Amino acid sequence: DSLPGYLSEAVLSHSLEPIAVMMPYLLRLMADSNDRERYPLERFTHEYLSGNDVPAQDNCSDCGVFCLKFIEYHSLGRLFPKTLCGKNMKAIRAKLAADIFVELNCRGPPERDWDDLDI
């Protein structure tokens, strides 16, 4: 939890229960029809991370960035860097935005033909 003390482990576990049950079904549903049997319908588990191993936000507005970075680092099996902190949030947000634009191949709006505009 990036906002320490906001939710207890019990409350978080209760909130995650529907997701833990639903996610295996969603994964199987979205899988290619030939691969669906590879996705068991067993309930997902979760682990509550807290303490010094988890970066903590110092406000109530950076939770989305922390969530994205948690997903990124966890999926890569990497430890959270010490640079994932509030003082670097502006740079982290800019890097995330740039990464999204590159991934989506965003080049801005197409050029418009203004010949018919009577000015």
PDB file of N, CA and C in Angstrom:
ATOM      1  N   ASP A   1       0.850  -1.175   0.000  1.00  0.00           N
ATOM      2  CA  ASP A   1       0.000   0.000   0.000  1.00  0.00           C
ATOM      3  C   ASP A   1       0.895   1.236   0.000  1.00  0.00           C
ATOM      4  N   SER A   2       0.745   2.066  -0.999  1.00  0.00           N
ATOM      5  CA  SER A   2       1.617   3.241  -1.108  1.00  0.00           C
ATOM      6  C   SER A   2       1.215   4.378  -0.172  1.00  0.00           C
ATOM      7  N   LEU A   3       0.054   4.286   0.424  1.00  0.00           N
ATOM      8  CA  LEU A   3      -0.390   5.290   1.393  1.00  0.00           C
ATOM      9  C   LEU A   3      -0.539   4.590   2.746  1.00  0.00           C
ATOM     10  N   PRO A   4       0.563   4.485   3.477  1.00  0.00           N
ATOM     11  CA  PRO A   4       0.584   3.699   4.712  1.00  0.00           C
ATOM     12  C   PRO A   4      -0.510   4.111   5.689  1.00  0.00           C
ATOM     13  N   GLY A   5      -1.164   3.104   6.238  1.00  0.00           N
ATOM     14  CA  GLY A   5      -2.185   3.352   7.238  1.00  0.00           C
ATOM     15  C   GLY A   5      -3.545   3.704   6.683  1.00  0.00           C
ATOM     16  N   TYR A   6      -3.673   3.868   5.370  1.00  0.00           N
ATOM     17  CA  TYR A   6      -4.965   4.247   4.804  1.00  0.00           C
ATOM     18  C   TYR A   6      -5.960   3.093   4.908  1.00  0.00           C
ATOM     19  N   LEU A   7      -5.516   1.887   4.555  1.00  0.00           N
ATOM     20  CA  LEU A   7      -6.361   0.700   4.661  1.00  0.00           C
ATOM     21  C   LEU A   7      -5.644  -0.359   5.481  1.00  0.00           C
ATOM     22  N   SER A   8      -6.393  -1.025   6.321  1.00  0.00           N
ATOM     23  CA  SER A   8      -5.792  -2.142   7.055  1.00  0.00           C
ATOM     24  C   SER A   8      -5.701  -3.342   6.115  1.00  0.00           C
ATOM     25  N   GLU A   9      -4.880  -4.297   6.475  1.00  0.00           N
ATOM     26  CA  GLU A   9      -4.742  -5.499   5.652  1.00  0.00           C
ATOM     27  C   GLU A   9      -6.075  -6.240   5.547  1.00  0.00           C
ATOM     28  N   ALA A  10      -6.854  -6.255   6.623  1.00  0.00           N
ATOM     29  CA  ALA A  10      -8.150  -6.943   6.616  1.00  0.00           C
ATOM     30  C   ALA A  10      -9.128  -6.274   5.649  1.00  0.00           C
ATOM     31  N   VAL A  11      -9.186  -4.955   5.673  1.00  0.00           N
ATOM     32  CA  VAL A  11     -10.085  -4.224   4.771  1.00  0.00           C
ATOM     33  C   VAL A  11      -9.648  -4.421   3.325  1.00  0.00           C
ATOM     34  N   LEU A  12      -8.353  -4.344   3.077  1.00  0.00           N
ATOM     35  CA  LEU A  12      -7.841  -4.538   1.726  1.00  0.00           C
ATOM     36  C   LEU A  12      -8.144  -5.949   1.227  1.00  0.00           C
ATOM     37  N   SER A  13      -7.940  -6.954   2.053  1.00  0.00           N
ATOM     38  CA  SER A  13      -8.225  -8.339   1.667  1.00  0.00           C
ATOM     39  C   SER A  13      -9.698  -8.516   1.325  1.00  0.00           C
ATOM     40  N   HIS A  14     -10.568  -7.926   2.136  1.00  0.00           N
ATOM     41  CA  HIS A  14     -12.008  -8.005   1.871  1.00  0.00           C
ATOM     42  C   HIS A  14     -12.351  -7.329   0.541  1.00  0.00           C
ATOM     43  N   SER A  15     -11.737  -6.193   0.265  1.00  0.00           N
ATOM     44  CA  SER A  15     -11.995  -5.456  -0.976  1.00  0.00           C
ATOM     45  C   SER A  15     -11.475  -6.204  -2.201  1.00  0.00           C
ATOM     46  N   LEU A  16     -10.392  -6.939  -2.044  1.00  0.00           N
ATOM     47  CA  LEU A  16      -9.792  -7.656  -3.170  1.00  0.00           C
ATOM     48  C   LEU A  16     -10.457  -8.997  -3.462  1.00  0.00           C
ATOM     49  N   GLU A  17     -11.259  -9.495  -2.556  1.00  0.00           N
ATOM     50  CA  GLU A  17     -11.872 -10.815  -2.721  1.00  0.00           C
ATOM     51  C   GLU A  17     -12.641 -10.955  -4.039  1.00  0.00           C
ATOM     52  N   PRO A  18     -13.537 -10.035  -4.403  1.00  0.00           N
ATOM     53  CA  PRO A  18     -14.241 -10.184  -5.684  1.00  0.00           C
ATOM     54  C   PRO A  18     -13.289 -10.198  -6.886  1.00  0.00           C
ATOM     55  N   ILE A  19     -12.236  -9.403  -6.819  1.00  0.00           N
ATOM     56  CA  ILE A  19     -11.264  -9.360  -7.915  1.00  0.00           C
ATOM     57  C   ILE A  19     -10.506 -10.679  -7.993  1.00  0.00           C
ATOM     58  N   ALA A  20     -10.140 -11.222  -6.841  1.00  0.00           N
ATOM     59  CA  ALA A  20      -9.403 -12.487  -6.803  1.00  0.00           C
ATOM     60  C   ALA A  20     -10.217 -13.624  -7.407  1.00  0.00           C
ATOM     61  N   VAL A  21     -11.522 -13.573  -7.253  1.00  0.00           N
ATOM     62  CA  VAL A  21     -12.398 -14.600  -7.817  1.00  0.00           C
ATOM     63  C   VAL A  21     -12.645 -14.345  -9.302  1.00  0.00           C
ATOM     64  N   MET A  22     -12.832 -13.099  -9.681  1.00  0.00           N
ATOM     65  CA  MET A  22     -13.216 -12.745 -11.044  1.00  0.00           C
ATOM     66  C   MET A  22     -12.067 -12.815 -12.056  1.00  0.00           C
ATOM     67  N   MET A  23     -10.857 -12.450 -11.655  1.00  0.00           N
ATOM     68  CA  MET A  23      -9.744 -12.349 -12.610  1.00  0.00           C
ATOM     69  C   MET A  23      -9.455 -13.635 -13.382  1.00  0.00           C
ATOM     70  N   PRO A  24      -9.451 -14.811 -12.751  1.00  0.00           N
ATOM     71  CA  PRO A  24      -9.201 -16.017 -13.543  1.00  0.00           C
ATOM     72  C   PRO A  24     -10.234 -16.216 -14.654  1.00  0.00           C
ATOM     73  N   TYR A  25     -11.485 -15.863 -14.381  1.00  0.00           N
ATOM     74  CA  TYR A  25     -12.532 -15.986 -15.387  1.00  0.00           C
ATOM     75  C   TYR A  25     -12.312 -14.997 -16.531  1.00  0.00           C
ATOM     76  N   LEU A  26     -11.920 -13.780 -16.197  1.00  0.00           N
ATOM     77  CA  LEU A  26     -11.647 -12.781 -17.236  1.00  0.00           C
ATOM     78  C   LEU A  26     -10.466 -13.190 -18.109  1.00  0.00           C
ATOM     79  N   LEU A  27      -9.410 -13.690 -17.475  1.00  0.00           N
ATOM     80  CA  LEU A  27      -8.246 -14.124 -18.249  1.00  0.00           C
ATOM     81  C   LEU A  27      -8.608 -15.253 -19.197  1.00  0.00           C
ATOM     82  N   ARG A  28      -9.381 -16.217 -18.714  1.00  0.00           N
ATOM     83  CA  ARG A  28      -9.782 -17.327 -19.581  1.00  0.00           C
ATOM     84  C   ARG A  28     -10.675 -16.829 -20.709  1.00  0.00           C
ATOM     85  N   LEU A  29     -11.588 -15.949 -20.391  1.00  0.00           N
ATOM     86  CA  LEU A  29     -12.500 -15.413 -21.401  1.00  0.00           C
ATOM     87  C   LEU A  29     -11.749 -14.655 -22.492  1.00  0.00           C
ATOM     88  N   MET A  30     -10.716 -13.907 -22.123  1.00  0.00           N
ATOM     89  CA  MET A  30      -9.975 -13.092 -23.081  1.00  0.00           C
ATOM     90  C   MET A  30      -8.900 -13.882 -23.831  1.00  0.00           C
ATOM     91  N   ALA A  31      -8.592 -15.077 -23.373  1.00  0.00           N
ATOM     92  CA  ALA A  31      -7.559 -15.884 -24.021  1.00  0.00           C
ATOM     93  C   ALA A  31      -8.056 -16.413 -25.358  1.00  0.00           C
ATOM     94  N   ASP A  32      -7.122 -16.712 -26.223  1.00  0.00           N
ATOM     95  CA  ASP A  32      -7.444 -17.362 -27.487  1.00  0.00           C
ATOM     96  C   ASP A  32      -8.177 -18.665 -27.184  1.00  0.00           C
ATOM     97  N   SER A  33      -9.159 -19.011 -27.991  1.00  0.00           N
ATOM     98  CA  SER A  33      -9.976 -20.193 -27.704  1.00  0.00           C
ATOM     99  C   SER A  33      -9.146 -21.470 -27.600  1.00  0.00           C
ATOM    100  N   ASN A  34      -8.026 -21.545 -28.293  1.00  0.00           N
ATOM    101  CA  ASN A  34      -7.165 -22.728 -28.222  1.00  0.00           C
ATOM    102  C   ASN A  34      -6.356 -22.784 -26.930  1.00  0.00           C
ATOM    103  N   ASP A  35      -6.215 -21.668 -26.240  1.00  0.00           N
ATOM    104  CA  ASP A  35      -5.387 -21.599 -25.036  1.00  0.00           C
ATOM    105  C   ASP A  35      -6.185 -21.533 -23.739  1.00  0.00           C
ATOM    106  N   ARG A  36      -7.482 -21.508 -23.809  1.00  0.00           N
ATOM    107  CA  ARG A  36      -8.292 -21.264 -22.608  1.00  0.00           C
ATOM    108  C   ARG A  36      -8.085 -22.297 -21.509  1.00  0.00           C
ATOM    109  N   GLU A  37      -7.837 -23.520 -21.881  1.00  0.00           N
ATOM    110  CA  GLU A  37      -7.653 -24.557 -20.859  1.00  0.00           C
ATOM    111  C   GLU A  37      -6.380 -24.347 -20.053  1.00  0.00           C
ATOM    112  N   ARG A  38      -5.471 -23.552 -20.562  1.00  0.00           N
ATOM    113  CA  ARG A  38      -4.228 -23.256 -19.836  1.00  0.00           C
ATOM    114  C   ARG A  38      -4.464 -22.304 -18.668  1.00  0.00           C
ATOM    115  N   TYR A  39      -5.636 -21.705 -18.616  1.00  0.00           N
ATOM    116  CA  TYR A  39      -5.959 -20.730 -17.573  1.00  0.00           C
ATOM    117  C   TYR A  39      -6.935 -21.346 -16.572  1.00  0.00           C
ATOM    118  N   PRO A  40      -6.430 -21.825 -15.446  1.00  0.00           N
ATOM    119  CA  PRO A  40      -7.319 -22.437 -14.446  1.00  0.00           C
ATOM    120  C   PRO A  40      -8.229 -21.383 -13.816  1.00  0.00           C
ATOM    121  N   LEU A  41      -9.344 -21.841 -13.311  1.00  0.00           N
ATOM    122  CA  LEU A  41     -10.314 -20.929 -12.699  1.00  0.00           C
ATOM    123  C   LEU A  41     -10.142 -20.859 -11.187  1.00  0.00           C
ATOM    124  N   GLU A  42      -8.943 -21.122 -10.728  1.00  0.00           N
ATOM    125  CA  GLU A  42      -8.669 -21.048  -9.295  1.00  0.00           C
ATOM    126  C   GLU A  42      -8.553 -19.589  -8.855  1.00  0.00           C
ATOM    127  N   ARG A  43      -9.075 -19.327  -7.687  1.00  0.00           N
ATOM    128  CA  ARG A  43      -9.048 -17.985  -7.108  1.00  0.00           C
ATOM    129  C   ARG A  43      -7.610 -17.478  -7.016  1.00  0.00           C
ATOM    130  N   PHE A  44      -7.405 -16.221  -7.379  1.00  0.00           N
ATOM    131  CA  PHE A  44      -6.091 -15.596  -7.248  1.00  0.00           C
ATOM    132  C   PHE A  44      -5.787 -15.330  -5.774  1.00  0.00           C
ATOM    133  N   THR A  45      -4.522 -15.216  -5.477  1.00  0.00           N
ATOM    134  CA  THR A  45      -4.102 -14.835  -4.135  1.00  0.00           C
ATOM    135  C   THR A  45      -3.406 -13.480  -4.222  1.00  0.00           C
ATOM    136  N   HIS A  46      -3.227 -12.862  -3.088  1.00  0.00           N
ATOM    137  CA  HIS A  46      -2.504 -11.593  -3.066  1.00  0.00           C
ATOM    138  C   HIS A  46      -1.642 -11.542  -1.814  1.00  0.00           C
ATOM    139  N   GLU A  47      -0.698 -10.667  -1.858  1.00  0.00           N
ATOM    140  CA  GLU A  47       0.201 -10.485  -0.723  1.00  0.00           C
ATOM    141  C   GLU A  47       0.206  -9.006  -0.363  1.00  0.00           C
ATOM    142  N   TYR A  48       0.074  -8.716   0.898  1.00  0.00           N
ATOM    143  CA  TYR A  48       0.066  -7.338   1.377  1.00  0.00           C
ATOM    144  C   TYR A  48       1.499  -6.910   1.654  1.00  0.00           C
ATOM    145  N   LEU A  49       1.969  -5.948   0.899  1.00  0.00           N
ATOM    146  CA  LEU A  49       3.325  -5.438   1.089  1.00  0.00           C
ATOM    147  C   LEU A  49       3.261  -4.128   1.856  1.00  0.00           C
ATOM    148  N   SER A  50       4.107  -4.002   2.818  1.00  0.00           N
ATOM    149  CA  SER A  50       4.177  -2.745   3.559  1.00  0.00           C
ATOM    150  C   SER A  50       5.566  -2.611   4.150  1.00  0.00           C
ATOM    151  N   GLY A  51       5.807  -1.477   4.747  1.00  0.00           N
ATOM    152  CA  GLY A  51       7.093  -1.277   5.404  1.00  0.00           C
ATOM    153  C   GLY A  51       8.123  -0.655   4.490  1.00  0.00           C
ATOM    154  N   ASN A  52       9.367  -0.914   4.777  1.00  0.00           N
ATOM    155  CA  ASN A  52      10.470  -0.271   4.064  1.00  0.00           C
ATOM    156  C   ASN A  52      10.647  -0.755   2.633  1.00  0.00           C
ATOM    157  N   ASP A  53      10.046  -1.903   2.284  1.00  0.00           N
ATOM    158  CA  ASP A  53      10.202  -2.440   0.933  1.00  0.00           C
ATOM    159  C   ASP A  53       9.298  -1.758  -0.090  1.00  0.00           C
ATOM    160  N   VAL A  54       8.328  -1.001   0.397  1.00  0.00           N
ATOM    161  CA  VAL A  54       7.348  -0.380  -0.492  1.00  0.00           C
ATOM    162  C   VAL A  54       7.468   1.135  -0.404  1.00  0.00           C
ATOM    163  N   PRO A  55       7.665   1.808  -1.538  1.00  0.00           N
ATOM    164  CA  PRO A  55       7.713   3.274  -1.508  1.00  0.00           C
ATOM    165  C   PRO A  55       6.372   3.833  -1.037  1.00  0.00           C
ATOM    166  N   ALA A  56       6.416   4.895  -0.290  1.00  0.00           N
ATOM    167  CA  ALA A  56       5.201   5.494   0.250  1.00  0.00           C
ATOM    168  C   ALA A  56       5.003   6.885  -0.336  1.00  0.00           C
ATOM    169  N   GLN A  57       3.781   7.152  -0.749  1.00  0.00           N
ATOM    170  CA  GLN A  57       3.468   8.485  -1.247  1.00  0.00           C
ATOM    171  C   GLN A  57       3.271   9.420  -0.065  1.00  0.00           C
ATOM    172  N   ASP A  58       3.528  10.692  -0.292  1.00  0.00           N
ATOM    173  CA  ASP A  58       3.399  11.666   0.792  1.00  0.00           C
ATOM    174  C   ASP A  58       2.226  12.611   0.579  1.00  0.00           C
ATOM    175  N   ASN A  59       1.314  12.220  -0.316  1.00  0.00           N
ATOM    176  CA  ASN A  59       0.113  13.016  -0.552  1.00  0.00           C
ATOM    177  C   ASN A  59      -1.009  12.077  -0.986  1.00  0.00           C
ATOM    178  N   CYS A  60      -2.153  12.632  -1.319  1.00  0.00           N
ATOM    179  CA  CYS A  60      -3.292  11.809  -1.740  1.00  0.00           C
ATOM    180  C   CYS A  60      -3.534  11.884  -3.241  1.00  0.00           C
ATOM    181  N   SER A  61      -2.556  12.347  -4.014  1.00  0.00           N
ATOM    182  CA  SER A  61      -2.785  12.526  -5.446  1.00  0.00           C
ATOM    183  C   SER A  61      -1.875  11.695  -6.341  1.00  0.00           C
ATOM    184  N   ASP A  62      -0.933  10.970  -5.780  1.00  0.00           N
ATOM    185  CA  ASP A  62       0.011  10.217  -6.605  1.00  0.00           C
ATOM    186  C   ASP A  62      -0.286   8.721  -6.656  1.00  0.00           C
ATOM    187  N   CYS A  63      -1.450   8.300  -6.174  1.00  0.00           N
ATOM    188  CA  CYS A  63      -1.725   6.870  -6.082  1.00  0.00           C
ATOM    189  C   CYS A  63      -1.745   6.191  -7.454  1.00  0.00           C
ATOM    190  N   GLY A  64      -2.227   6.873  -8.484  1.00  0.00           N
ATOM    191  CA  GLY A  64      -2.253   6.272  -9.821  1.00  0.00           C
ATOM    192  C   GLY A  64      -0.867   5.982 -10.348  1.00  0.00           C
ATOM    193  N   VAL A  65       0.042   6.920 -10.159  1.00  0.00           N
ATOM    194  CA  VAL A  65       1.424   6.734 -10.604  1.00  0.00           C
ATOM    195  C   VAL A  65       2.070   5.598  -9.821  1.00  0.00           C
ATOM    196  N   PHE A  66       1.869   5.583  -8.512  1.00  0.00           N
ATOM    197  CA  PHE A  66       2.424   4.501  -7.699  1.00  0.00           C
ATOM    198  C   PHE A  66       1.852   3.155  -8.140  1.00  0.00           C
ATOM    199  N   CYS A  67       0.564   3.113  -8.435  1.00  0.00           N
ATOM    200  CA  CYS A  67      -0.072   1.870  -8.867  1.00  0.00           C
ATOM    201  C   CYS A  67       0.551   1.368 -10.171  1.00  0.00           C
ATOM    202  N   LEU A  68       0.706   2.254 -11.148  1.00  0.00           N
ATOM    203  CA  LEU A  68       1.325   1.861 -12.420  1.00  0.00           C
ATOM    204  C   LEU A  68       2.751   1.376 -12.231  1.00  0.00           C
ATOM    205  N   LYS A  69       3.505   2.077 -11.412  1.00  0.00           N
ATOM    206  CA  LYS A  69       4.898   1.672 -11.181  1.00  0.00           C
ATOM    207  C   LYS A  69       4.965   0.359 -10.399  1.00  0.00           C
ATOM    208  N   PHE A  70       4.050   0.144  -9.454  1.00  0.00           N
ATOM    209  CA  PHE A  70       4.011  -1.134  -8.733  1.00  0.00           C
ATOM    210  C   PHE A  70       3.774  -2.275  -9.714  1.00  0.00           C
ATOM    211  N   ILE A  71       2.795  -2.103 -10.608  1.00  0.00           N
ATOM    212  CA  ILE A  71       2.499  -3.136 -11.602  1.00  0.00           C
ATOM    213  C   ILE A  71       3.727  -3.398 -12.465  1.00  0.00           C
ATOM    214  N   GLU A  72       4.364  -2.337 -12.915  1.00  0.00           N
ATOM    215  CA  GLU A  72       5.551  -2.470 -13.762  1.00  0.00           C
ATOM    216  C   GLU A  72       6.655  -3.256 -13.055  1.00  0.00           C
ATOM    217  N   TYR A  73       7.019  -2.833 -11.872  1.00  0.00           N
ATOM    218  CA  TYR A  73       8.132  -3.479 -11.173  1.00  0.00           C
ATOM    219  C   TYR A  73       7.776  -4.894 -10.728  1.00  0.00           C
ATOM    220  N   HIS A  74       6.559  -5.097 -10.268  1.00  0.00           N
ATOM    221  CA  HIS A  74       6.158  -6.435  -9.831  1.00  0.00           C
ATOM    222  C   HIS A  74       6.142  -7.406 -11.010  1.00  0.00           C
ATOM    223  N   SER A  75       5.606  -6.964 -12.156  1.00  0.00           N
ATOM    224  CA  SER A  75       5.543  -7.853 -13.322  1.00  0.00           C
ATOM    225  C   SER A  75       6.927  -8.213 -13.846  1.00  0.00           C
ATOM    226  N   LEU A  76       7.901  -7.347 -13.620  1.00  0.00           N
ATOM    227  CA  LEU A  76       9.277  -7.617 -14.049  1.00  0.00           C
ATOM    228  C   LEU A  76      10.085  -8.335 -12.968  1.00  0.00           C
ATOM    229  N   GLY A  77       9.471  -8.537 -11.803  1.00  0.00           N
ATOM    230  CA  GLY A  77      10.168  -9.201 -10.706  1.00  0.00           C
ATOM    231  C   GLY A  77      11.291  -8.373 -10.116  1.00  0.00           C
ATOM    232  N   ARG A  78      11.169  -7.067 -10.221  1.00  0.00           N
ATOM    233  CA  ARG A  78      12.220  -6.168  -9.730  1.00  0.00           C
ATOM    234  C   ARG A  78      11.817  -5.538  -8.403  1.00  0.00           C
ATOM    235  N   LEU A  79      12.809  -5.143  -7.641  1.00  0.00           N
ATOM    236  CA  LEU A  79      12.574  -4.417  -6.397  1.00  0.00           C
ATOM    237  C   LEU A  79      12.226  -2.968  -6.715  1.00  0.00           C
ATOM    238  N   PHE A  80      11.473  -2.348  -5.836  1.00  0.00           N
ATOM    239  CA  PHE A  80      11.121  -0.948  -6.033  1.00  0.00           C
ATOM    240  C   PHE A  80      12.355  -0.082  -5.823  1.00  0.00           C
ATOM    241  N   PRO A  81      12.628   0.835  -6.748  1.00  0.00           N
ATOM    242  CA  PRO A  81      13.809   1.689  -6.586  1.00  0.00           C
ATOM    243  C   PRO A  81      13.561   2.768  -5.532  1.00  0.00           C
ATOM    244  N   LYS A  82      14.608   3.210  -4.931  1.00  0.00           N
ATOM    245  CA  LYS A  82      14.505   4.287  -3.933  1.00  0.00           C
ATOM    246  C   LYS A  82      14.093   5.606  -4.593  1.00  0.00           C
ATOM    247  N   THR A  83      14.265   5.703  -5.909  1.00  0.00           N
ATOM    248  CA  THR A  83      13.909   6.931  -6.626  1.00  0.00           C
ATOM    249  C   THR A  83      12.404   7.063  -6.849  1.00  0.00           C
ATOM    250  N   LEU A  84      11.639   6.010  -6.564  1.00  0.00           N
ATOM    251  CA  LEU A  84      10.182   6.086  -6.671  1.00  0.00           C
ATOM    252  C   LEU A  84       9.662   6.746  -5.395  1.00  0.00           C
ATOM    253  N   CYS A  85       9.618   8.082  -5.445  1.00  0.00           N
ATOM    254  CA  CYS A  85       9.226   8.851  -4.263  1.00  0.00           C
ATOM    255  C   CYS A  85       8.607  10.174  -4.710  1.00  0.00           C
ATOM    256  N   GLY A  86       7.994  10.851  -3.763  1.00  0.00           N
ATOM    257  CA  GLY A  86       7.293  12.093  -4.055  1.00  0.00           C
ATOM    258  C   GLY A  86       8.147  13.171  -4.684  1.00  0.00           C
ATOM    259  N   LYS A  87       9.390  13.292  -4.262  1.00  0.00           N
ATOM    260  CA  LYS A  87      10.223  14.377  -4.798  1.00  0.00           C
ATOM    261  C   LYS A  87      10.554  14.171  -6.281  1.00  0.00           C
ATOM    262  N   ASN A  88      10.442  12.947  -6.786  1.00  0.00           N
ATOM    263  CA  ASN A  88      10.712  12.662  -8.200  1.00  0.00           C
ATOM    264  C   ASN A  88       9.437  12.496  -9.020  1.00  0.00           C
ATOM    265  N   MET A  89       8.282  12.776  -8.419  1.00  0.00           N
ATOM    266  CA  MET A  89       7.011  12.478  -9.071  1.00  0.00           C
ATOM    267  C   MET A  89       6.821  13.235 -10.382  1.00  0.00           C
ATOM    268  N   LYS A  90       7.238  14.486 -10.457  1.00  0.00           N
ATOM    269  CA  LYS A  90       7.069  15.248 -11.696  1.00  0.00           C
ATOM    270  C   LYS A  90       7.821  14.569 -12.843  1.00  0.00           C
ATOM    271  N   ALA A  91       9.038  14.143 -12.599  1.00  0.00           N
ATOM    272  CA  ALA A  91       9.836  13.467 -13.629  1.00  0.00           C
ATOM    273  C   ALA A  91       9.256  12.091 -13.958  1.00  0.00           C
ATOM    274  N   ILE A  92       8.768  11.380 -12.950  1.00  0.00           N
ATOM    275  CA  ILE A  92       8.178  10.058 -13.181  1.00  0.00           C
ATOM    276  C   ILE A  92       6.925  10.191 -14.032  1.00  0.00           C
ATOM    277  N   ARG A  93       6.083  11.190 -13.734  1.00  0.00           N
ATOM    278  CA  ARG A  93       4.876  11.421 -14.543  1.00  0.00           C
ATOM    279  C   ARG A  93       5.240  11.754 -15.994  1.00  0.00           C
ATOM    280  N   ALA A  94       6.238  12.608 -16.189  1.00  0.00           N
ATOM    281  CA  ALA A  94       6.656  12.977 -17.545  1.00  0.00           C
ATOM    282  C   ALA A  94       7.175  11.757 -18.300  1.00  0.00           C
ATOM    283  N   LYS A  95       7.947  10.917 -17.636  1.00  0.00           N
ATOM    284  CA  LYS A  95       8.485   9.706 -18.267  1.00  0.00           C
ATOM    285  C   LYS A  95       7.362   8.739 -18.617  1.00  0.00           C
ATOM    286  N   LEU A  96       6.391   8.572 -17.717  1.00  0.00           N
ATOM    287  CA  LEU A  96       5.244   7.710 -18.012  1.00  0.00           C
ATOM    288  C   LEU A  96       4.473   8.221 -19.226  1.00  0.00           C
ATOM    289  N   ALA A  97       4.231   9.522 -19.276  1.00  0.00           N
ATOM    290  CA  ALA A  97       3.515  10.105 -20.415  1.00  0.00           C
ATOM    291  C   ALA A  97       4.285   9.880 -21.708  1.00  0.00           C
ATOM    292  N   ALA A  98       5.589  10.106 -21.681  1.00  0.00           N
ATOM    293  CA  ALA A  98       6.412   9.897 -22.877  1.00  0.00           C
ATOM    294  C   ALA A  98       6.387   8.435 -23.298  1.00  0.00           C
ATOM    295  N   ASP A  99       6.481   7.524 -22.344  1.00  0.00           N
ATOM    296  CA  ASP A  99       6.443   6.094 -22.658  1.00  0.00           C
ATOM    297  C   ASP A  99       5.118   5.701 -23.295  1.00  0.00           C
ATOM    298  N   ILE A 100       4.013   6.250 -22.787  1.00  0.00           N
ATOM    299  CA  ILE A 100       2.698   5.949 -23.350  1.00  0.00           C
ATOM    300  C   ILE A 100       2.600   6.477 -24.773  1.00  0.00           C
ATOM    301  N   PHE A 101       3.057   7.699 -25.013  1.00  0.00           N
ATOM    302  CA  PHE A 101       3.016   8.257 -26.359  1.00  0.00           C
ATOM    303  C   PHE A 101       3.852   7.431 -27.328  1.00  0.00           C
ATOM    304  N   VAL A 102       5.025   7.001 -26.905  1.00  0.00           N
ATOM    305  CA  VAL A 102       5.880   6.179 -27.771  1.00  0.00           C
ATOM    306  C   VAL A 102       5.199   4.845 -28.054  1.00  0.00           C
ATOM    307  N   GLU A 103       4.662   4.218 -27.015  1.00  0.00           N
ATOM    308  CA  GLU A 103       4.014   2.916 -27.172  1.00  0.00           C
ATOM    309  C   GLU A 103       2.826   2.996 -28.123  1.00  0.00           C
ATOM    310  N   LEU A 104       2.077   4.077 -28.041  1.00  0.00           N
ATOM    311  CA  LEU A 104       0.900   4.248 -28.891  1.00  0.00           C
ATOM    312  C   LEU A 104       1.235   4.850 -30.249  1.00  0.00           C
ATOM    313  N   ASN A 105       2.509   5.174 -30.443  1.00  0.00           N
ATOM    314  CA  ASN A 105       2.966   5.781 -31.692  1.00  0.00           C
ATOM    315  C   ASN A 105       2.219   7.088 -31.970  1.00  0.00           C
ATOM    316  N   CYS A 106       2.045   7.884 -30.932  1.00  0.00           N
ATOM    317  CA  CYS A 106       1.341   9.162 -31.058  1.00  0.00           C
ATOM    318  C   CYS A 106       2.233  10.183 -31.752  1.00  0.00           C
ATOM    319  N   ARG A 107       1.705  10.813 -32.738  1.00  0.00           N
ATOM    320  CA  ARG A 107       2.443  11.825 -33.475  1.00  0.00           C
ATOM    321  C   ARG A 107       1.705  13.160 -33.478  1.00  0.00           C
ATOM    322  N   GLY A 108       0.666  13.256 -32.692  1.00  0.00           N
ATOM    323  CA  GLY A 108      -0.129  14.470 -32.689  1.00  0.00           C
ATOM    324  C   GLY A 108      -1.248  14.361 -33.707  1.00  0.00           C
ATOM    325  N   PRO A 109      -2.077  15.378 -33.779  1.00  0.00           N
ATOM    326  CA  PRO A 109      -3.191  15.324 -34.723  1.00  0.00           C
ATOM    327  C   PRO A 109      -2.687  15.411 -36.157  1.00  0.00           C
ATOM    328  N   PRO A 110      -3.440  14.842 -37.092  1.00  0.00           N
ATOM    329  CA  PRO A 110      -3.026  14.933 -38.494  1.00  0.00           C
ATOM    330  C   PRO A 110      -3.088  16.383 -38.971  1.00  0.00           C
ATOM    331  N   GLU A 111      -2.259  16.700 -39.938  1.00  0.00           N
ATOM    332  CA  GLU A 111      -2.302  18.059 -40.494  1.00  0.00           C
ATOM    333  C   GLU A 111      -3.646  18.269 -41.162  1.00  0.00           C
ATOM    334  N   ARG A 112      -4.158  19.480 -41.013  1.00  0.00           N
ATOM    335  CA  ARG A 112      -5.470  19.772 -41.585  1.00  0.00           C
ATOM    336  C   ARG A 112      -5.316  20.654 -42.808  1.00  0.00           C
ATOM    337  N   ASP A 113      -6.251  20.499 -43.697  1.00  0.00           N
ATOM    338  CA  ASP A 113      -6.297  21.327 -44.893  1.00  0.00           C
ATOM    339  C   ASP A 113      -7.173  22.537 -44.578  1.00  0.00           C
ATOM    340  N   TRP A 114      -6.545  23.705 -44.483  1.00  0.00           N
ATOM    341  CA  TRP A 114      -7.263  24.913 -44.100  1.00  0.00           C
ATOM    342  C   TRP A 114      -7.643  25.764 -45.313  1.00  0.00           C
ATOM    343  N   ASP A 115      -7.542  25.216 -46.519  1.00  0.00           N
ATOM    344  CA  ASP A 115      -7.829  25.999 -47.724  1.00  0.00           C
ATOM    345  C   ASP A 115      -9.260  26.522 -47.757  1.00  0.00           C
ATOM    346  N   ASP A 116     -10.187  25.775 -47.194  1.00  0.00           N
ATOM    347  CA  ASP A 116     -11.586  26.200 -47.259  1.00  0.00           C
ATOM    348  C   ASP A 116     -11.974  27.158 -46.130  1.00  0.00           C
ATOM    349  N   LEU A 117     -11.020  27.517 -45.295  1.00  0.00           N
ATOM    350  CA  LEU A 117     -11.291  28.417 -44.185  1.00  0.00           C
ATOM    351  C   LEU A 117     -11.235  29.859 -44.679  1.00  0.00           C
ATOM    352  N   ASP A 118     -12.330  30.559 -44.527  1.00  0.00           N
ATOM    353  CA  ASP A 118     -12.411  31.937 -45.001  1.00  0.00           C
ATOM    354  C   ASP A 118     -12.050  32.877 -43.853  1.00  0.00           C
ATOM    355  N   ILE A 119     -10.859  33.423 -43.911  1.00  0.00           N
ATOM    356  CA  ILE A 119     -10.418  34.341 -42.860  1.00  0.00           C
ATOM    357  C   ILE A 119     -10.264  35.727 -43.435  1.00  0.00           C
TER     358      ILE A 119
END
